Amino acid sequence: MPQTPQPLLVVEDDAIVRMLIVDVLEELEYKVLEAADANEALAILEDLKQPLALLMTDVGLPGLNGKDLAVKARKLRPTLPVLFASGYGDDPDIPAGMHQIAKPFNIDQLRDKVQGILQAV
């Protein structure tokens, strides 16, 4: 399964959930950068020398939420694919051109979603 050489950025405030997502993505042979909140994520996103293939963010982050983070991310990196993870099911307010996956998800669902997004780029 060919993988992008560019890392994925995972933003999740729950350390255990973040660790599980990162572990699954690394098991699928993706490189992964992680951030515990939007401020950590923005520091990575603002470093335009750091390539990124995908931003995966929890919707319900403390402070700046995932949707606001995605809007800022797209201003910095207009073509960056965004995947929202939400424990609240499908959200009709997800910005156009962005994707979502409902928590809890299994390894196959995450793999299929990420691969589908990256193959469409």
PDB file of N, CA and C in Angstrom:
ATOM      1  N   MET A   1       0.847  -1.168   0.000  1.00  0.00           N
ATOM      2  CA  MET A   1       0.000   0.000   0.000  1.00  0.00           C
ATOM      3  C   MET A   1       0.894   1.232   0.000  1.00  0.00           C
ATOM      4  N   PRO A   2       0.931   1.984  -1.105  1.00  0.00           N
ATOM      5  CA  PRO A   2       1.826   3.149  -1.192  1.00  0.00           C
ATOM      6  C   PRO A   2       1.367   4.248  -0.256  1.00  0.00           C
ATOM      7  N   GLN A   3       2.306   4.860   0.397  1.00  0.00           N
ATOM      8  CA  GLN A   3       1.983   5.918   1.351  1.00  0.00           C
ATOM      9  C   GLN A   3       2.641   7.219   0.920  1.00  0.00           C
ATOM     10  N   THR A   4       2.037   8.305   1.341  1.00  0.00           N
ATOM     11  CA  THR A   4       2.617   9.613   1.081  1.00  0.00           C
ATOM     12  C   THR A   4       3.878   9.778   1.933  1.00  0.00           C
ATOM     13  N   PRO A   5       4.940  10.357   1.385  1.00  0.00           N
ATOM     14  CA  PRO A   5       6.125  10.611   2.200  1.00  0.00           C
ATOM     15  C   PRO A   5       5.915  11.777   3.163  1.00  0.00           C
ATOM     16  N   GLN A   6       4.852  12.554   2.927  1.00  0.00           N
ATOM     17  CA  GLN A   6       4.585  13.694   3.795  1.00  0.00           C
ATOM     18  C   GLN A   6       3.786  13.250   5.009  1.00  0.00           C
ATOM     19  N   PRO A   7       4.066  13.836   6.160  1.00  0.00           N
ATOM     20  CA  PRO A   7       3.353  13.416   7.364  1.00  0.00           C
ATOM     21  C   PRO A   7       1.924  13.937   7.430  1.00  0.00           C
ATOM     22  N   LEU A   8       1.143  13.247   8.247  1.00  0.00           N
ATOM     23  CA  LEU A   8      -0.204  13.667   8.585  1.00  0.00           C
ATOM     24  C   LEU A   8      -0.121  14.375   9.931  1.00  0.00           C
ATOM     25  N   LEU A   9      -0.907  15.407  10.121  1.00  0.00           N
ATOM     26  CA  LEU A   9      -0.951  16.121  11.395  1.00  0.00           C
ATOM     27  C   LEU A   9      -2.233  15.741  12.120  1.00  0.00           C
ATOM     28  N   VAL A  10      -2.090  15.137  13.301  1.00  0.00           N
ATOM     29  CA  VAL A  10      -3.232  14.720  14.116  1.00  0.00           C
ATOM     30  C   VAL A  10      -3.353  15.678  15.298  1.00  0.00           C
ATOM     31  N   VAL A  11      -4.534  16.289  15.442  1.00  0.00           N
ATOM     32  CA  VAL A  11      -4.799  17.229  16.535  1.00  0.00           C
ATOM     33  C   VAL A  11      -5.940  16.654  17.377  1.00  0.00           C
ATOM     34  N   GLU A  12      -5.612  16.302  18.614  1.00  0.00           N
ATOM     35  CA  GLU A  12      -6.585  15.681  19.522  1.00  0.00           C
ATOM     36  C   GLU A  12      -6.180  16.036  20.937  1.00  0.00           C
ATOM     37  N   ASP A  13      -7.127  16.594  21.714  1.00  0.00           N
ATOM     38  CA  ASP A  13      -6.793  17.027  23.072  1.00  0.00           C
ATOM     39  C   ASP A  13      -6.758  15.878  24.074  1.00  0.00           C
ATOM     40  N   ASP A  14      -7.424  14.774  23.782  1.00  0.00           N
ATOM     41  CA  ASP A  14      -7.392  13.617  24.673  1.00  0.00           C
ATOM     42  C   ASP A  14      -6.138  12.802  24.357  1.00  0.00           C
ATOM     43  N   ALA A  15      -5.193  12.773  25.289  1.00  0.00           N
ATOM     44  CA  ALA A  15      -3.890  12.147  25.039  1.00  0.00           C
ATOM     45  C   ALA A  15      -4.017  10.675  24.656  1.00  0.00           C
ATOM     46  N   ILE A  16      -4.928   9.950  25.281  1.00  0.00           N
ATOM     47  CA  ILE A  16      -5.078   8.519  24.981  1.00  0.00           C
ATOM     48  C   ILE A  16      -5.643   8.327  23.576  1.00  0.00           C
ATOM     49  N   VAL A  17      -6.651   9.095  23.241  1.00  0.00           N
ATOM     50  CA  VAL A  17      -7.235   8.998  21.897  1.00  0.00           C
ATOM     51  C   VAL A  17      -6.197   9.385  20.851  1.00  0.00           C
ATOM     52  N   ARG A  18      -5.445  10.471  21.117  1.00  0.00           N
ATOM     53  CA  ARG A  18      -4.410  10.907  20.183  1.00  0.00           C
ATOM     54  C   ARG A  18      -3.373   9.805  19.981  1.00  0.00           C
ATOM     55  N   MET A  19      -2.945   9.182  21.081  1.00  0.00           N
ATOM     56  CA  MET A  19      -1.950   8.117  20.989  1.00  0.00           C
ATOM     57  C   MET A  19      -2.485   6.952  20.148  1.00  0.00           C
ATOM     58  N   LEU A  20      -3.747   6.584  20.355  1.00  0.00           N
ATOM     59  CA  LEU A  20      -4.331   5.482  19.588  1.00  0.00           C
ATOM     60  C   LEU A  20      -4.399   5.810  18.099  1.00  0.00           C
ATOM     61  N   ILE A  21      -4.832   7.021  17.759  1.00  0.00           N
ATOM     62  CA  ILE A  21      -4.910   7.426  16.352  1.00  0.00           C
ATOM     63  C   ILE A  21      -3.527   7.413  15.725  1.00  0.00           C
ATOM     64  N   VAL A  22      -2.556   7.989  16.423  1.00  0.00           N
ATOM     65  CA  VAL A  22      -1.181   8.029  15.909  1.00  0.00           C
ATOM     66  C   VAL A  22      -0.649   6.612  15.719  1.00  0.00           C
ATOM     67  N   ASP A  23      -0.882   5.748  16.704  1.00  0.00           N
ATOM     68  CA  ASP A  23      -0.418   4.355  16.596  1.00  0.00           C
ATOM     69  C   ASP A  23      -1.017   3.660  15.377  1.00  0.00           C
ATOM     70  N   VAL A  24      -2.315   3.845  15.164  1.00  0.00           N
ATOM     71  CA  VAL A  24      -2.973   3.213  14.018  1.00  0.00           C
ATOM     72  C   VAL A  24      -2.388   3.736  12.711  1.00  0.00           C
ATOM     73  N   LEU A  25      -2.236   5.048  12.599  1.00  0.00           N
ATOM     74  CA  LEU A  25      -1.704   5.627  11.359  1.00  0.00           C
ATOM     75  C   LEU A  25      -0.263   5.190  11.118  1.00  0.00           C
ATOM     76  N   GLU A  26       0.522   5.118  12.175  1.00  0.00           N
ATOM     77  CA  GLU A  26       1.909   4.652  12.016  1.00  0.00           C
ATOM     78  C   GLU A  26       1.932   3.174  11.636  1.00  0.00           C
ATOM     79  N   GLU A  27       1.028   2.385  12.188  1.00  0.00           N
ATOM     80  CA  GLU A  27       0.906   0.975  11.815  1.00  0.00           C
ATOM     81  C   GLU A  27       0.579   0.840  10.325  1.00  0.00           C
ATOM     82  N   LEU A  28      -0.160   1.802   9.797  1.00  0.00           N
ATOM     83  CA  LEU A  28      -0.503   1.837   8.376  1.00  0.00           C
ATOM     84  C   LEU A  28       0.609   2.480   7.539  1.00  0.00           C
ATOM     85  N   GLU A  29       1.744   2.741   8.181  1.00  0.00           N
ATOM     86  CA  GLU A  29       2.970   3.246   7.540  1.00  0.00           C
ATOM     87  C   GLU A  29       2.916   4.718   7.149  1.00  0.00           C
ATOM     88  N   TYR A  30       2.076   5.478   7.824  1.00  0.00           N
ATOM     89  CA  TYR A  30       2.084   6.925   7.630  1.00  0.00           C
ATOM     90  C   TYR A  30       3.044   7.542   8.634  1.00  0.00           C
ATOM     91  N   LYS A  31       3.684   8.631   8.211  1.00  0.00           N
ATOM     92  CA  LYS A  31       4.430   9.469   9.156  1.00  0.00           C
ATOM     93  C   LYS A  31       3.401  10.375   9.814  1.00  0.00           C
ATOM     94  N   VAL A  32       3.557  10.615  11.111  1.00  0.00           N
ATOM     95  CA  VAL A  32       2.547  11.382  11.829  1.00  0.00           C
ATOM     96  C   VAL A  32       3.200  12.423  12.735  1.00  0.00           C
ATOM     97  N   LEU A  33       2.680  13.639  12.670  1.00  0.00           N
ATOM     98  CA  LEU A  33       3.006  14.687  13.637  1.00  0.00           C
ATOM     99  C   LEU A  33       1.762  14.836  14.505  1.00  0.00           C
ATOM    100  N   GLU A  34       1.946  15.206  15.766  1.00  0.00           N
ATOM    101  CA  GLU A  34       0.779  15.320  16.635  1.00  0.00           C
ATOM    102  C   GLU A  34       0.787  16.615  17.419  1.00  0.00           C
ATOM    103  N   ALA A  35      -0.424  17.068  17.731  1.00  0.00           N
ATOM    104  CA  ALA A  35      -0.607  18.280  18.521  1.00  0.00           C
ATOM    105  C   ALA A  35      -1.767  18.052  19.481  1.00  0.00           C
ATOM    106  N   ALA A  36      -1.626  18.597  20.698  1.00  0.00           N
ATOM    107  CA  ALA A  36      -2.647  18.419  21.728  1.00  0.00           C
ATOM    108  C   ALA A  36      -3.748  19.468  21.645  1.00  0.00           C
ATOM    109  N   ASP A  37      -3.489  20.561  20.923  1.00  0.00           N
ATOM    110  CA  ASP A  37      -4.510  21.602  20.800  1.00  0.00           C
ATOM    111  C   ASP A  37      -4.246  22.428  19.548  1.00  0.00           C
ATOM    112  N   ALA A  38      -5.142  23.378  19.294  1.00  0.00           N
ATOM    113  CA  ALA A  38      -5.046  24.180  18.076  1.00  0.00           C
ATOM    114  C   ALA A  38      -3.780  25.032  18.044  1.00  0.00           C
ATOM    115  N   ASN A  39      -3.339  25.531  19.196  1.00  0.00           N
ATOM    116  CA  ASN A  39      -2.133  26.357  19.208  1.00  0.00           C
ATOM    117  C   ASN A  39      -0.906  25.558  18.789  1.00  0.00           C
ATOM    118  N   GLU A  40      -0.778  24.333  19.299  1.00  0.00           N
ATOM    119  CA  GLU A  40       0.340  23.471  18.876  1.00  0.00           C
ATOM    120  C   GLU A  40       0.239  23.180  17.384  1.00  0.00           C
ATOM    121  N   ALA A  41      -0.969  22.923  16.922  1.00  0.00           N
ATOM    122  CA  ALA A  41      -1.173  22.619  15.502  1.00  0.00           C
ATOM    123  C   ALA A  41      -0.814  23.820  14.628  1.00  0.00           C
ATOM    124  N   LEU A  42      -1.223  25.010  15.054  1.00  0.00           N
ATOM    125  CA  LEU A  42      -0.930  26.213  14.264  1.00  0.00           C
ATOM    126  C   LEU A  42       0.576  26.448  14.147  1.00  0.00           C
ATOM    127  N   ALA A  43       1.319  26.152  15.194  1.00  0.00           N
ATOM    128  CA  ALA A  43       2.778  26.310  15.128  1.00  0.00           C
ATOM    129  C   ALA A  43       3.351  25.420  14.024  1.00  0.00           C
ATOM    130  N   ILE A  44       2.810  24.227  13.879  1.00  0.00           N
ATOM    131  CA  ILE A  44       3.270  23.315  12.817  1.00  0.00           C
ATOM    132  C   ILE A  44       2.768  23.811  11.461  1.00  0.00           C
ATOM    133  N   LEU A  45       1.511  24.196  11.387  1.00  0.00           N
ATOM    134  CA  LEU A  45       0.933  24.657  10.125  1.00  0.00           C
ATOM    135  C   LEU A  45       1.604  25.923   9.605  1.00  0.00           C
ATOM    136  N   GLU A  46       2.027  26.796  10.514  1.00  0.00           N
ATOM    137  CA  GLU A  46       2.658  28.055  10.105  1.00  0.00           C
ATOM    138  C   GLU A  46       4.075  27.853   9.587  1.00  0.00           C
ATOM    139  N   ASP A  47       4.686  26.719   9.876  1.00  0.00           N
ATOM    140  CA  ASP A  47       6.019  26.394   9.363  1.00  0.00           C
ATOM    141  C   ASP A  47       5.848  25.804   7.967  1.00  0.00           C
ATOM    142  N   LEU A  48       5.824  26.664   6.965  1.00  0.00           N
ATOM    143  CA  LEU A  48       5.529  26.221   5.608  1.00  0.00           C
ATOM    144  C   LEU A  48       6.639  25.349   5.013  1.00  0.00           C
ATOM    145  N   LYS A  49       7.782  25.266   5.690  1.00  0.00           N
ATOM    146  CA  LYS A  49       8.834  24.344   5.241  1.00  0.00           C
ATOM    147  C   LYS A  49       8.486  22.904   5.622  1.00  0.00           C
ATOM    148  N   GLN A  50       7.560  22.747   6.575  1.00  0.00           N
ATOM    149  CA  GLN A  50       7.131  21.417   7.021  1.00  0.00           C
ATOM    150  C   GLN A  50       6.001  20.933   6.099  1.00  0.00           C
ATOM    151  N   PRO A  51       6.295  19.960   5.220  1.00  0.00           N
ATOM    152  CA  PRO A  51       5.223  19.467   4.357  1.00  0.00           C
ATOM    153  C   PRO A  51       4.197  18.679   5.168  1.00  0.00           C
ATOM    154  N   LEU A  52       2.959  18.756   4.737  1.00  0.00           N
ATOM    155  CA  LEU A  52       1.875  17.998   5.363  1.00  0.00           C
ATOM    156  C   LEU A  52       0.967  17.447   4.276  1.00  0.00           C
ATOM    157  N   ALA A  53       0.509  16.201   4.459  1.00  0.00           N
ATOM    158  CA  ALA A  53      -0.396  15.584   3.493  1.00  0.00           C
ATOM    159  C   ALA A  53      -1.853  15.733   3.910  1.00  0.00           C
ATOM    160  N   LEU A  54      -2.090  15.869   5.232  1.00  0.00           N
ATOM    161  CA  LEU A  54      -3.460  15.873   5.743  1.00  0.00           C
ATOM    162  C   LEU A  54      -3.475  16.445   7.155  1.00  0.00           C
ATOM    163  N   LEU A  55      -4.534  17.184   7.459  1.00  0.00           N
ATOM    164  CA  LEU A  55      -4.812  17.627   8.825  1.00  0.00           C
ATOM    165  C   LEU A  55      -6.002  16.824   9.319  1.00  0.00           C
ATOM    166  N   MET A  56      -5.804  16.056  10.392  1.00  0.00           N
ATOM    167  CA  MET A  56      -6.903  15.335  11.037  1.00  0.00           C
ATOM    168  C   MET A  56      -7.091  15.964  12.402  1.00  0.00           C
ATOM    169  N   THR A  57      -8.262  16.532  12.638  1.00  0.00           N
ATOM    170  CA  THR A  57      -8.488  17.240  13.892  1.00  0.00           C
ATOM    171  C   THR A  57      -9.811  16.851  14.536  1.00  0.00           C
ATOM    172  N   ASP A  58      -9.778  16.803  15.858  1.00  0.00           N
ATOM    173  CA  ASP A  58     -10.991  16.644  16.648  1.00  0.00           C
ATOM    174  C   ASP A  58     -11.800  17.930  16.461  1.00  0.00           C
ATOM    175  N   VAL A  59     -13.122  17.815  16.401  1.00  0.00           N
ATOM    176  CA  VAL A  59     -13.956  19.014  16.286  1.00  0.00           C
ATOM    177  C   VAL A  59     -13.952  19.767  17.614  1.00  0.00           C
ATOM    178  N   GLY A  60     -14.083  19.038  18.719  1.00  0.00           N
ATOM    179  CA  GLY A  60     -14.237  19.659  20.027  1.00  0.00           C
ATOM    180  C   GLY A  60     -12.939  19.883  20.765  1.00  0.00           C
ATOM    181  N   LEU A  61     -12.121  20.759  20.258  1.00  0.00           N
ATOM    182  CA  LEU A  61     -10.871  21.113  20.942  1.00  0.00           C
ATOM    183  C   LEU A  61     -11.139  22.242  21.938  1.00  0.00           C
ATOM    184  N   PRO A  62     -10.382  22.287  23.038  1.00  0.00           N
ATOM    185  CA  PRO A  62     -10.524  23.419  23.964  1.00  0.00           C
ATOM    186  C   PRO A  62      -9.974  24.695  23.317  1.00  0.00           C
ATOM    187  N   GLY A  63     -10.551  25.804  23.645  1.00  0.00           N
ATOM    188  CA  GLY A  63     -10.093  27.061  23.040  1.00  0.00           C
ATOM    189  C   GLY A  63     -10.568  27.118  21.591  1.00  0.00           C
ATOM    190  N   LEU A  64      -9.645  27.274  20.693  1.00  0.00           N
ATOM    191  CA  LEU A  64      -9.949  27.302  19.261  1.00  0.00           C
ATOM    192  C   LEU A  64     -10.407  25.907  18.837  1.00  0.00           C
ATOM    193  N   ASN A  65     -11.653  25.781  18.359  1.00  0.00           N
ATOM    194  CA  ASN A  65     -12.154  24.444  18.022  1.00  0.00           C
ATOM    195  C   ASN A  65     -11.615  23.965  16.671  1.00  0.00           C
ATOM    196  N   GLY A  66     -11.910  22.720  16.353  1.00  0.00           N
ATOM    197  CA  GLY A  66     -11.375  22.102  15.142  1.00  0.00           C
ATOM    198  C   GLY A  66     -11.797  22.793  13.860  1.00  0.00           C
ATOM    199  N   LYS A  67     -13.052  23.282  13.826  1.00  0.00           N
ATOM    200  CA  LYS A  67     -13.514  23.963  12.611  1.00  0.00           C
ATOM    201  C   LYS A  67     -12.766  25.275  12.402  1.00  0.00           C
ATOM    202  N   ASP A  68     -12.579  26.030  13.489  1.00  0.00           N
ATOM    203  CA  ASP A  68     -11.828  27.288  13.376  1.00  0.00           C
ATOM    204  C   ASP A  68     -10.373  27.009  12.998  1.00  0.00           C
ATOM    205  N   LEU A  69      -9.807  25.943  13.567  1.00  0.00           N
ATOM    206  CA  LEU A  69      -8.441  25.545  13.211  1.00  0.00           C
ATOM    207  C   LEU A  69      -8.356  25.226  11.720  1.00  0.00           C
ATOM    208  N   ALA A  70      -9.340  24.504  11.211  1.00  0.00           N
ATOM    209  CA  ALA A  70      -9.332  24.135   9.793  1.00  0.00           C
ATOM    210  C   ALA A  70      -9.393  25.357   8.888  1.00  0.00           C
ATOM    211  N   VAL A  71     -10.205  26.344   9.271  1.00  0.00           N
ATOM    212  CA  VAL A  71     -10.297  27.573   8.482  1.00  0.00           C
ATOM    213  C   VAL A  71      -8.942  28.278   8.452  1.00  0.00           C
ATOM    214  N   LYS A  72      -8.285  28.364   9.613  1.00  0.00           N
ATOM    215  CA  LYS A  72      -6.956  28.988   9.667  1.00  0.00           C
ATOM    216  C   LYS A  72      -5.941  28.170   8.874  1.00  0.00           C
ATOM    217  N   ALA A  73      -6.042  26.842   8.975  1.00  0.00           N
ATOM    218  CA  ALA A  73      -5.123  25.971   8.241  1.00  0.00           C
ATOM    219  C   ALA A  73      -5.253  26.186   6.741  1.00  0.00           C
ATOM    220  N   ARG A  74      -6.494  26.322   6.259  1.00  0.00           N
ATOM    221  CA  ARG A  74      -6.714  26.510   4.828  1.00  0.00           C
ATOM    222  C   ARG A  74      -6.227  27.876   4.348  1.00  0.00           C
ATOM    223  N   LYS A  75      -6.208  28.873   5.241  1.00  0.00           N
ATOM    224  CA  LYS A  75      -5.651  30.171   4.850  1.00  0.00           C
ATOM    225  C   LYS A  75      -4.141  30.039   4.657  1.00  0.00           C
ATOM    226  N   LEU A  76      -3.504  29.240   5.524  1.00  0.00           N
ATOM    227  CA  LEU A  76      -2.061  29.028   5.440  1.00  0.00           C
ATOM    228  C   LEU A  76      -1.687  28.063   4.318  1.00  0.00           C
ATOM    229  N   ARG A  77      -2.513  27.039   4.143  1.00  0.00           N
ATOM    230  CA  ARG A  77      -2.251  25.958   3.183  1.00  0.00           C
ATOM    231  C   ARG A  77      -3.558  25.635   2.458  1.00  0.00           C
ATOM    232  N   PRO A  78      -3.872  26.390   1.402  1.00  0.00           N
ATOM    233  CA  PRO A  78      -5.183  26.289   0.752  1.00  0.00           C
ATOM    234  C   PRO A  78      -5.546  24.904   0.216  1.00  0.00           C
ATOM    235  N   THR A  79      -4.567  24.082  -0.107  1.00  0.00           N
ATOM    236  CA  THR A  79      -4.883  22.772  -0.697  1.00  0.00           C
ATOM    237  C   THR A  79      -4.810  21.623   0.309  1.00  0.00           C
ATOM    238  N   LEU A  80      -4.549  21.928   1.581  1.00  0.00           N
ATOM    239  CA  LEU A  80      -4.394  20.872   2.575  1.00  0.00           C
ATOM    240  C   LEU A  80      -5.729  20.175   2.848  1.00  0.00           C
ATOM    241  N   PRO A  81      -5.796  18.857   2.640  1.00  0.00           N
ATOM    242  CA  PRO A  81      -7.027  18.133   2.986  1.00  0.00           C
ATOM    243  C   PRO A  81      -7.236  18.137   4.501  1.00  0.00           C
ATOM    244  N   VAL A  82      -8.513  18.215   4.900  1.00  0.00           N
ATOM    245  CA  VAL A  82      -8.865  18.250   6.319  1.00  0.00           C
ATOM    246  C   VAL A  82      -9.855  17.131   6.609  1.00  0.00           C
ATOM    247  N   LEU A  83      -9.584  16.384   7.687  1.00  0.00           N
ATOM    248  CA  LEU A  83     -10.478  15.334   8.160  1.00  0.00           C
ATOM    249  C   LEU A  83     -10.836  15.633   9.604  1.00  0.00           C
ATOM    250  N   PHE A  84     -12.139  15.806   9.869  1.00  0.00           N
ATOM    251  CA  PHE A  84     -12.621  16.032  11.221  1.00  0.00           C
ATOM    252  C   PHE A  84     -13.007  14.706  11.843  1.00  0.00           C
ATOM    253  N   ALA A  85     -12.642  14.528  13.106  1.00  0.00           N
ATOM    254  CA  ALA A  85     -13.100  13.382  13.890  1.00  0.00           C
ATOM    255  C   ALA A  85     -14.056  13.938  14.936  1.00  0.00           C
ATOM    256  N   SER A  86     -15.249  13.354  14.999  1.00  0.00           N
ATOM    257  CA  SER A  86     -16.245  13.865  15.941  1.00  0.00           C
ATOM    258  C   SER A  86     -16.992  12.727  16.601  1.00  0.00           C
ATOM    259  N   GLY A  87     -17.173  12.852  17.897  1.00  0.00           N
ATOM    260  CA  GLY A  87     -17.967  11.891  18.638  1.00  0.00           C
ATOM    261  C   GLY A  87     -19.451  12.204  18.580  1.00  0.00           C
ATOM    262  N   TYR A  88     -19.837  13.196  17.810  1.00  0.00           N
ATOM    263  CA  TYR A  88     -21.224  13.632  17.747  1.00  0.00           C
ATOM    264  C   TYR A  88     -21.909  13.246  16.443  1.00  0.00           C
ATOM    265  N   GLY A  89     -21.334  12.309  15.702  1.00  0.00           N
ATOM    266  CA  GLY A  89     -21.933  11.874  14.440  1.00  0.00           C
ATOM    267  C   GLY A  89     -21.670  12.873  13.327  1.00  0.00           C
ATOM    268  N   ASP A  90     -22.386  12.722  12.223  1.00  0.00           N
ATOM    269  CA  ASP A  90     -22.195  13.613  11.081  1.00  0.00           C
ATOM    270  C   ASP A  90     -22.603  15.031  11.431  1.00  0.00           C
ATOM    271  N   ASP A  91     -21.765  15.961  11.054  1.00  0.00           N
ATOM    272  CA  ASP A  91     -21.990  17.370  11.352  1.00  0.00           C
ATOM    273  C   ASP A  91     -22.289  18.098  10.044  1.00  0.00           C
ATOM    274  N   PRO A  92     -23.493  18.635   9.900  1.00  0.00           N
ATOM    275  CA  PRO A  92     -23.827  19.328   8.649  1.00  0.00           C
ATOM    276  C   PRO A  92     -23.075  20.639   8.466  1.00  0.00           C
ATOM    277  N   ASP A  93     -22.409  21.119   9.511  1.00  0.00           N
ATOM    278  CA  ASP A  93     -21.704  22.400   9.426  1.00  0.00           C
ATOM    279  C   ASP A  93     -20.230  22.261   9.048  1.00  0.00           C
ATOM    280  N   ILE A  94     -19.822  21.073   8.622  1.00  0.00           N
ATOM    281  CA  ILE A  94     -18.430  20.891   8.186  1.00  0.00           C
ATOM    282  C   ILE A  94     -18.215  21.751   6.935  1.00  0.00           C
ATOM    283  N   PRO A  95     -17.148  22.550   6.909  1.00  0.00           N
ATOM    284  CA  PRO A  95     -16.909  23.402   5.740  1.00  0.00           C
ATOM    285  C   PRO A  95     -16.797  22.602   4.440  1.00  0.00           C
ATOM    286  N   ALA A  96     -17.216  23.202   3.359  1.00  0.00           N
ATOM    287  CA  ALA A  96     -17.190  22.555   2.052  1.00  0.00           C
ATOM    288  C   ALA A  96     -15.784  22.072   1.708  1.00  0.00           C
ATOM    289  N   GLY A  97     -15.701  20.915   1.109  1.00  0.00           N
ATOM    290  CA  GLY A  97     -14.417  20.375   0.684  1.00  0.00           C
ATOM    291  C   GLY A  97     -13.641  19.703   1.795  1.00  0.00           C
ATOM    292  N   MET A  98     -14.221  19.595   2.981  1.00  0.00           N
ATOM    293  CA  MET A  98     -13.554  18.937   4.095  1.00  0.00           C
ATOM    294  C   MET A  98     -14.308  17.641   4.415  1.00  0.00           C
ATOM    295  N   HIS A  99     -13.675  16.758   5.139  1.00  0.00           N
ATOM    296  CA  HIS A  99     -14.201  15.418   5.375  1.00  0.00           C
ATOM    297  C   HIS A  99     -14.409  15.188   6.866  1.00  0.00           C
ATOM    298  N   GLN A 100     -15.184  14.133   7.188  1.00  0.00           N
ATOM    299  CA  GLN A 100     -15.390  13.811   8.594  1.00  0.00           C
ATOM    300  C   GLN A 100     -15.489  12.303   8.786  1.00  0.00           C
ATOM    301  N   ILE A 101     -15.146  11.891   9.989  1.00  0.00           N
ATOM    302  CA  ILE A 101     -15.273  10.500  10.407  1.00  0.00           C
ATOM    303  C   ILE A 101     -15.832  10.529  11.831  1.00  0.00           C
ATOM    304  N   ALA A 102     -16.800   9.661  12.092  1.00  0.00           N
ATOM    305  CA  ALA A 102     -17.442   9.637  13.409  1.00  0.00           C
ATOM    306  C   ALA A 102     -16.637   8.767  14.370  1.00  0.00           C
ATOM    307  N   LYS A 103     -16.443   9.276  15.595  1.00  0.00           N
ATOM    308  CA  LYS A 103     -15.808   8.493  16.648  1.00  0.00           C
ATOM    309  C   LYS A 103     -16.902   7.736  17.384  1.00  0.00           C
ATOM    310  N   PRO A 104     -16.684   6.533  17.833  1.00  0.00           N
ATOM    311  CA  PRO A 104     -15.442   5.781  17.644  1.00  0.00           C
ATOM    312  C   PRO A 104     -15.400   5.161  16.247  1.00  0.00           C
ATOM    313  N   PHE A 105     -14.205   5.045  15.700  1.00  0.00           N
ATOM    314  CA  PHE A 105     -14.013   4.410  14.398  1.00  0.00           C
ATOM    315  C   PHE A 105     -13.017   3.284  14.585  1.00  0.00           C
ATOM    316  N   ASN A 106     -13.066   2.315  13.674  1.00  0.00           N
ATOM    317  CA  ASN A 106     -12.100   1.225  13.770  1.00  0.00           C
ATOM    318  C   ASN A 106     -10.942   1.460  12.804  1.00  0.00           C
ATOM    319  N   ILE A 107      -9.965   0.604  12.876  1.00  0.00           N
ATOM    320  CA  ILE A 107      -8.753   0.762  12.063  1.00  0.00           C
ATOM    321  C   ILE A 107      -9.101   0.802  10.577  1.00  0.00           C
ATOM    322  N   ASP A 108      -9.972  -0.102  10.152  1.00  0.00           N
ATOM    323  CA  ASP A 108     -10.323  -0.160   8.729  1.00  0.00           C
ATOM    324  C   ASP A 108     -11.031   1.113   8.275  1.00  0.00           C
ATOM    325  N   GLN A 109     -11.922   1.630   9.098  1.00  0.00           N
ATOM    326  CA  GLN A 109     -12.627   2.869   8.735  1.00  0.00           C
ATOM    327  C   GLN A 109     -11.648   4.031   8.604  1.00  0.00           C
ATOM    328  N   LEU A 110     -10.713   4.135   9.554  1.00  0.00           N
ATOM    329  CA  LEU A 110      -9.728   5.215   9.499  1.00  0.00           C
ATOM    330  C   LEU A 110      -8.837   5.060   8.277  1.00  0.00           C
ATOM    331  N   ARG A 111      -8.353   3.846   8.045  1.00  0.00           N
ATOM    332  CA  ARG A 111      -7.489   3.594   6.884  1.00  0.00           C
ATOM    333  C   ARG A 111      -8.210   3.962   5.594  1.00  0.00           C
ATOM    334  N   ASP A 112      -9.443   3.482   5.428  1.00  0.00           N
ATOM    335  CA  ASP A 112     -10.178   3.731   4.196  1.00  0.00           C
ATOM    336  C   ASP A 112     -10.449   5.216   3.997  1.00  0.00           C
ATOM    337  N   LYS A 113     -10.792   5.910   5.070  1.00  0.00           N
ATOM    338  CA  LYS A 113     -11.084   7.339   4.982  1.00  0.00           C
ATOM    339  C   LYS A 113      -9.828   8.116   4.585  1.00  0.00           C
ATOM    340  N   VAL A 114      -8.723   7.862   5.283  1.00  0.00           N
ATOM    341  CA  VAL A 114      -7.466   8.581   4.988  1.00  0.00           C
ATOM    342  C   VAL A 114      -6.985   8.270   3.568  1.00  0.00           C
ATOM    343  N   GLN A 115      -7.002   7.010   3.194  1.00  0.00           N
ATOM    344  CA  GLN A 115      -6.555   6.644   1.846  1.00  0.00           C
ATOM    345  C   GLN A 115      -7.435   7.301   0.785  1.00  0.00           C
ATOM    346  N   GLY A 116      -8.748   7.292   1.013  1.00  0.00           N
ATOM    347  CA  GLY A 116      -9.662   7.902   0.045  1.00  0.00           C
ATOM    348  C   GLY A 116      -9.386   9.393  -0.129  1.00  0.00           C
ATOM    349  N   ILE A 117      -9.140  10.078   0.970  1.00  0.00           N
ATOM    350  CA  ILE A 117      -8.854  11.517   0.901  1.00  0.00           C
ATOM    351  C   ILE A 117      -7.541  11.768   0.168  1.00  0.00           C
ATOM    352  N   LEU A 118      -6.496  11.012   0.538  1.00  0.00           N
ATOM    353  CA  LEU A 118      -5.179  11.245  -0.065  1.00  0.00           C
ATOM    354  C   LEU A 118      -5.150  10.851  -1.535  1.00  0.00           C
ATOM    355  N   GLN A 119      -5.901   9.838  -1.931  1.00  0.00           N
ATOM    356  CA  GLN A 119      -5.933   9.429  -3.336  1.00  0.00           C
ATOM    357  C   GLN A 119      -6.686  10.436  -4.186  1.00  0.00           C
ATOM    358  N   ALA A 120      -7.587  11.193  -3.581  1.00  0.00           N
ATOM    359  CA  ALA A 120      -8.372  12.175  -4.332  1.00  0.00           C
ATOM    360  C   ALA A 120      -7.595  13.474  -4.548  1.00  0.00           C
ATOM    361  N   VAL A 121      -6.467  13.629  -3.859  1.00  0.00           N
ATOM    362  CA  VAL A 121      -5.703  14.882  -3.950  1.00  0.00           C
ATOM    363  C   VAL A 121      -4.974  14.957  -5.265  1.00  0.00           C
TER     364      VAL A 121
END
